[in-house]
Amino acid sequence: MNRKYLYGVALLLFAAGTLLLVTAGRLGRDRAANRLEVLQVVLDESWKSEELLKDYKLAERSGRMFDSHELDGQVHVVSFFFTTCPTACVRQNTQVQLLHEAFADQGVKFVSMTCDPDRDTPQVLADYARRFQARDDAWYFLTGDLLHIRRVAAEIYRVPLDKETHSEKLIVMDRWGALRGTYHWNKTEDMAAIRLQLDRLLAETQPPPPAPPAPPPRPPAEEDDE
């Protein structure tokens, strides 16, 4: 066969393979995003009617049981990930590492929970944490039963979670356990804002006043008149 012909065929096959990989990646991301959207709708409804978790216990990378009450009185940042995620979770935890380096000495705690607990045993989490120079007294890596972690994510931190599917937001909690903001790790403006928020929360000595109740929804007839 003509070498130019073979070269052309090889190029076409390579291009087709690349297109399939890109398409598969996009479909995978779309499915994950759609799954999170569906979960979010379910959670929005469950928050209205069910008694929510107030605390939790999960296994820490050291093997000990971590009690969420250890965070009482501590400003803390919570995130979700899984260790076999090759790109996004690594980049996310690199951003958490930068915050950890800047704020751990000031008392901010960091909590990272896996959404793949079948694989992410305490030993796996310990090996993973070493990649980010995570101090064991300031950055906790947690694992446990997936159903329980889903409830923790939904009912305490107000984000949807499923196996190997999680929010990419960093959740900031104040000393009194109130959620004070969520920040996307991959947005420069969010990562600047989270630093300002942490500075503000560290300076607080009293809990903020409760937010006023949301106004009741307007009747459909009123909306139709406008």
Protein backbone atom coordinates (compact mmCIF):
# COMPACT_ATOMS: atom_id res chain seq x y z
CA MET A 1 0.00 0.00 0.00
CA ASN A 2 1.00 3.61 -0.60
CA ARG A 3 2.67 5.09 2.50
CA LYS A 4 0.78 8.38 2.13
CA TYR A 5 -2.47 6.43 2.07
CA LEU A 6 -1.56 4.51 5.23
CA TYR A 7 -0.47 7.75 6.91
CA GLY A 8 -3.78 9.37 5.99
CA VAL A 9 -5.76 6.43 7.36
CA ALA A 10 -3.74 6.54 10.58
CA LEU A 11 -4.47 10.25 10.98
CA LEU A 12 -8.18 9.69 10.42
CA LEU A 13 -8.26 6.88 12.99
CA PHE A 14 -6.37 9.02 15.50
CA ALA A 15 -8.75 11.93 14.97
CA ALA A 16 -11.77 9.66 15.31
CA GLY A 17 -10.39 8.16 18.51
CA THR A 18 -9.68 11.59 19.96
CA LEU A 19 -13.20 12.75 19.11
CA LEU A 20 -14.68 9.67 20.80
CA LEU A 21 -12.62 10.29 23.95
CA VAL A 22 -13.61 13.96 24.10
CA THR A 23 -17.26 13.09 23.48
CA ALA A 24 -17.19 10.38 26.14
CA GLY A 25 -15.60 12.80 28.60
CA ARG A 26 -18.24 15.42 27.90
CA LEU A 27 -21.03 12.88 28.22
CA GLY A 28 -19.59 11.70 31.52
CA ARG A 29 -19.43 15.25 32.84
CA ASP A 30 -22.94 15.96 31.57
CA ARG A 31 -24.31 12.84 33.26
CA ALA A 32 -22.59 13.78 36.53
CA ALA A 33 -23.95 17.33 36.31
CA ASN A 34 -27.45 16.08 35.53
CA ARG A 35 -27.28 13.63 38.43
CA LEU A 36 -26.28 16.44 40.79
CA GLU A 37 -29.14 18.60 39.51
CA VAL A 38 -31.65 15.82 40.17
CA LEU A 39 -30.20 15.23 43.62
CA GLN A 40 -30.37 18.96 44.36
CA VAL A 41 -34.09 19.03 43.57
CA VAL A 42 -34.68 16.07 45.89
CA LEU A 43 -32.64 17.72 48.63
CA ASP A 44 -34.44 21.04 48.26
CA GLU A 45 -37.67 19.22 49.00
CA SER A 46 -36.27 17.09 51.85
CA TRP A 47 -34.93 20.14 53.72
CA LYS A 48 -38.50 21.41 54.01
CA SER A 49 -39.98 18.36 55.67
CA GLU A 50 -37.53 16.01 57.37
CA GLU A 51 -35.52 16.22 60.55
CA LEU A 52 -31.96 16.98 59.54
CA LEU A 53 -28.67 15.68 60.88
CA LYS A 54 -26.93 18.00 63.31
CA ASP A 55 -23.66 16.11 63.74
CA TYR A 56 -21.80 13.05 62.49
CA LYS A 57 -18.99 10.59 63.14
CA LEU A 58 -16.76 9.27 60.36
CA ALA A 59 -13.43 7.46 60.13
CA GLU A 60 -10.41 9.74 59.84
CA ARG A 61 -7.29 8.86 57.83
CA SER A 62 -5.54 7.94 61.09
CA GLY A 63 -8.16 5.23 61.64
CA ARG A 64 -9.76 6.96 64.62
CA MET A 65 -13.39 8.03 64.65
CA PHE A 66 -13.76 11.73 63.98
CA ASP A 67 -16.63 13.49 65.76
CA SER A 68 -17.95 16.64 64.10
CA HIS A 69 -18.15 18.25 67.54
CA GLU A 70 -14.37 18.54 67.32
CA LEU A 71 -15.13 21.46 64.99
CA ASP A 72 -17.15 23.31 67.63
CA GLY A 73 -15.68 26.77 68.09
CA GLN A 74 -13.57 26.42 64.94
CA VAL A 75 -13.88 28.19 61.62
CA HIS A 76 -13.69 25.40 59.06
CA VAL A 77 -13.78 24.66 55.35
CA VAL A 78 -15.47 21.49 54.05
CA SER A 79 -15.08 19.84 50.65
CA PHE A 80 -15.85 16.55 48.91
CA PHE A 81 -13.63 14.49 46.58
CA PHE A 82 -12.42 10.97 45.81
CA THR A 83 -8.83 9.78 45.50
CA THR A 84 -9.09 8.08 42.09
CA CYS A 85 -10.31 11.29 40.44
CA PRO A 86 -7.29 12.05 38.22
CA THR A 87 -7.65 15.76 37.52
CA ALA A 88 -10.39 17.93 39.06
CA CYS A 89 -10.09 16.60 42.62
CA VAL A 90 -6.31 16.98 42.54
CA ARG A 91 -6.66 20.57 41.39
CA GLN A 92 -9.36 21.20 43.97
CA ASN A 93 -7.21 19.84 46.79
CA THR A 94 -4.27 21.88 45.56
CA GLN A 95 -6.43 24.97 46.14
CA VAL A 96 -7.41 23.68 49.58
CA GLN A 97 -3.71 23.12 50.28
CA LEU A 98 -3.01 26.79 49.57
CA LEU A 99 -5.73 27.80 52.03
CA HIS A 100 -4.41 25.28 54.54
CA GLU A 101 -0.93 26.78 54.29
CA ALA A 102 -2.30 30.29 54.75
CA PHE A 103 -4.84 29.70 57.53
CA ALA A 104 -4.05 26.52 59.49
CA ASP A 105 -1.75 28.39 61.88
CA GLN A 106 -4.62 30.83 62.54
CA GLY A 107 -6.88 28.02 63.65
CA VAL A 108 -8.93 27.28 60.53
CA LYS A 109 -9.70 23.59 60.12
CA PHE A 110 -10.22 21.76 56.83
CA VAL A 111 -12.44 18.72 56.29
CA SER A 112 -12.34 16.64 53.10
CA MET A 113 -14.83 13.78 52.73
CA THR A 114 -14.64 11.07 50.12
CA CYS A 115 -17.59 10.15 47.94
CA ASP A 116 -16.01 6.78 47.12
CA PRO A 117 -15.62 5.17 50.54
CA ASP A 118 -15.41 1.62 49.18
CA ARG A 119 -12.00 2.45 47.71
CA ASP A 120 -10.98 5.29 50.00
CA THR A 121 -10.08 3.50 53.21
CA PRO A 122 -8.27 5.37 55.99
CA GLN A 123 -4.93 4.06 54.70
CA VAL A 124 -5.67 5.22 51.15
CA LEU A 125 -6.67 8.63 52.51
CA ALA A 126 -3.48 8.81 54.60
CA ASP A 127 -1.36 8.17 51.50
CA TYR A 128 -3.38 10.72 49.54
CA ALA A 129 -3.14 13.38 52.25
CA ARG A 130 0.65 13.19 52.20
CA ARG A 131 0.60 14.49 48.62
CA PHE A 132 -0.74 17.78 49.97
CA GLN A 133 1.39 18.03 53.13
CA ALA A 134 -1.86 17.97 55.12
CA ARG A 135 -1.33 18.49 58.85
CA ASP A 136 -3.20 15.85 60.79
CA ASP A 137 -4.28 18.43 63.38
CA ALA A 138 -5.73 20.86 60.85
CA TRP A 139 -6.87 18.96 57.74
CA TYR A 140 -9.06 15.91 58.25
CA PHE A 141 -9.73 13.32 55.55
CA LEU A 142 -12.89 11.34 56.30
CA THR A 143 -14.53 8.15 55.05
CA GLY A 144 -17.42 5.92 56.10
CA ASP A 145 -20.75 4.61 54.88
CA LEU A 146 -21.75 6.26 51.58
CA LEU A 147 -25.39 6.71 52.57
CA HIS A 148 -24.34 8.47 55.76
CA ILE A 149 -21.88 10.70 53.88
CA ARG A 150 -24.66 11.59 51.43
CA ARG A 151 -26.81 12.66 54.37
CA VAL A 152 -23.97 14.67 55.91
CA ALA A 153 -23.38 16.45 52.60
CA ALA A 154 -27.06 17.16 52.05
CA GLU A 155 -28.37 17.89 55.50
CA ILE A 156 -25.44 19.67 57.14
CA TYR A 157 -23.51 21.19 54.24
CA ARG A 158 -26.43 21.59 51.81
CA VAL A 159 -24.79 20.06 48.73
CA PRO A 160 -25.78 16.95 46.74
CA LEU A 161 -23.46 13.97 46.62
CA ASP A 162 -23.44 10.52 45.08
CA LYS A 163 -20.81 7.86 44.46
CA GLU A 164 -17.89 9.54 42.64
CA THR A 165 -20.10 12.62 42.09
CA HIS A 166 -19.83 15.70 44.26
CA SER A 167 -20.05 19.48 44.41
CA GLU A 168 -16.88 21.37 43.50
CA LYS A 169 -17.61 24.11 46.02
CA LEU A 170 -15.70 24.76 49.22
CA ILE A 171 -18.13 25.27 52.09
CA VAL A 172 -17.21 27.75 54.82
CA MET A 173 -18.63 27.25 58.31
CA ASP A 174 -18.26 29.68 61.21
CA ARG A 175 -17.32 28.93 64.83
CA TRP A 176 -20.96 28.29 65.71
CA GLY A 177 -21.58 25.75 62.95
CA ALA A 178 -23.47 28.09 60.62
CA LEU A 179 -22.88 27.87 56.89
CA ARG A 180 -21.49 31.26 55.84
CA GLY A 181 -20.64 30.79 52.17
CA THR A 182 -19.77 28.45 49.30
CA TYR A 183 -16.93 29.10 46.89
CA HIS A 184 -15.96 27.33 43.67
CA TRP A 185 -12.34 26.23 43.80
CA ASN A 186 -11.84 26.86 40.07
CA LYS A 187 -12.97 30.51 40.06
CA THR A 188 -10.28 33.07 40.79
CA GLU A 189 -12.77 35.55 42.22
CA ASP A 190 -14.20 32.89 44.55
CA MET A 191 -10.78 31.91 45.85
CA ALA A 192 -10.03 35.57 46.58
CA ALA A 193 -13.41 35.97 48.29
CA ILE A 194 -12.96 32.89 50.49
CA ARG A 195 -9.77 34.35 51.93
CA LEU A 196 -11.55 37.57 52.84
CA GLN A 197 -14.38 35.58 54.37
CA LEU A 198 -12.01 33.48 56.48
CA ASP A 199 -10.31 36.64 57.75
CA ARG A 200 -13.70 38.07 58.72
CA LEU A 201 -14.83 34.89 60.47
CA LEU A 202 -11.59 34.59 62.42
CA ALA A 203 -12.16 38.12 63.73
CA GLU A 204 -15.73 37.37 64.92
CA THR A 205 -16.27 36.97 68.66
CA GLN A 206 -20.06 36.67 68.65
CA PRO A 207 -22.44 34.78 66.38
CA PRO A 208 -24.14 36.86 63.71
CA PRO A 209 -27.80 37.73 64.21
CA PRO A 210 -30.21 35.23 62.68
CA ALA A 211 -31.23 35.96 59.11
CA PRO A 212 -34.75 37.36 58.77
CA PRO A 213 -37.33 34.82 57.57
CA ALA A 214 -37.86 34.67 53.84
CA PRO A 215 -41.03 36.44 52.68
CA PRO A 216 -43.89 34.14 51.71
CA PRO A 217 -44.27 33.47 48.00
CA ARG A 218 -46.67 35.76 46.20
CA PRO A 219 -49.91 34.24 44.94
CA PRO A 220 -49.84 33.34 41.23
CA ALA A 221 -52.68 35.81 40.55
CA GLU A 222 -50.54 38.74 41.71
CA GLU A 223 -47.67 37.69 39.48
CA ASP A 224 -49.99 37.38 36.49
CA ASP A 225 -51.23 40.98 36.95
CA GLU A 226 -47.81 42.49 36.25
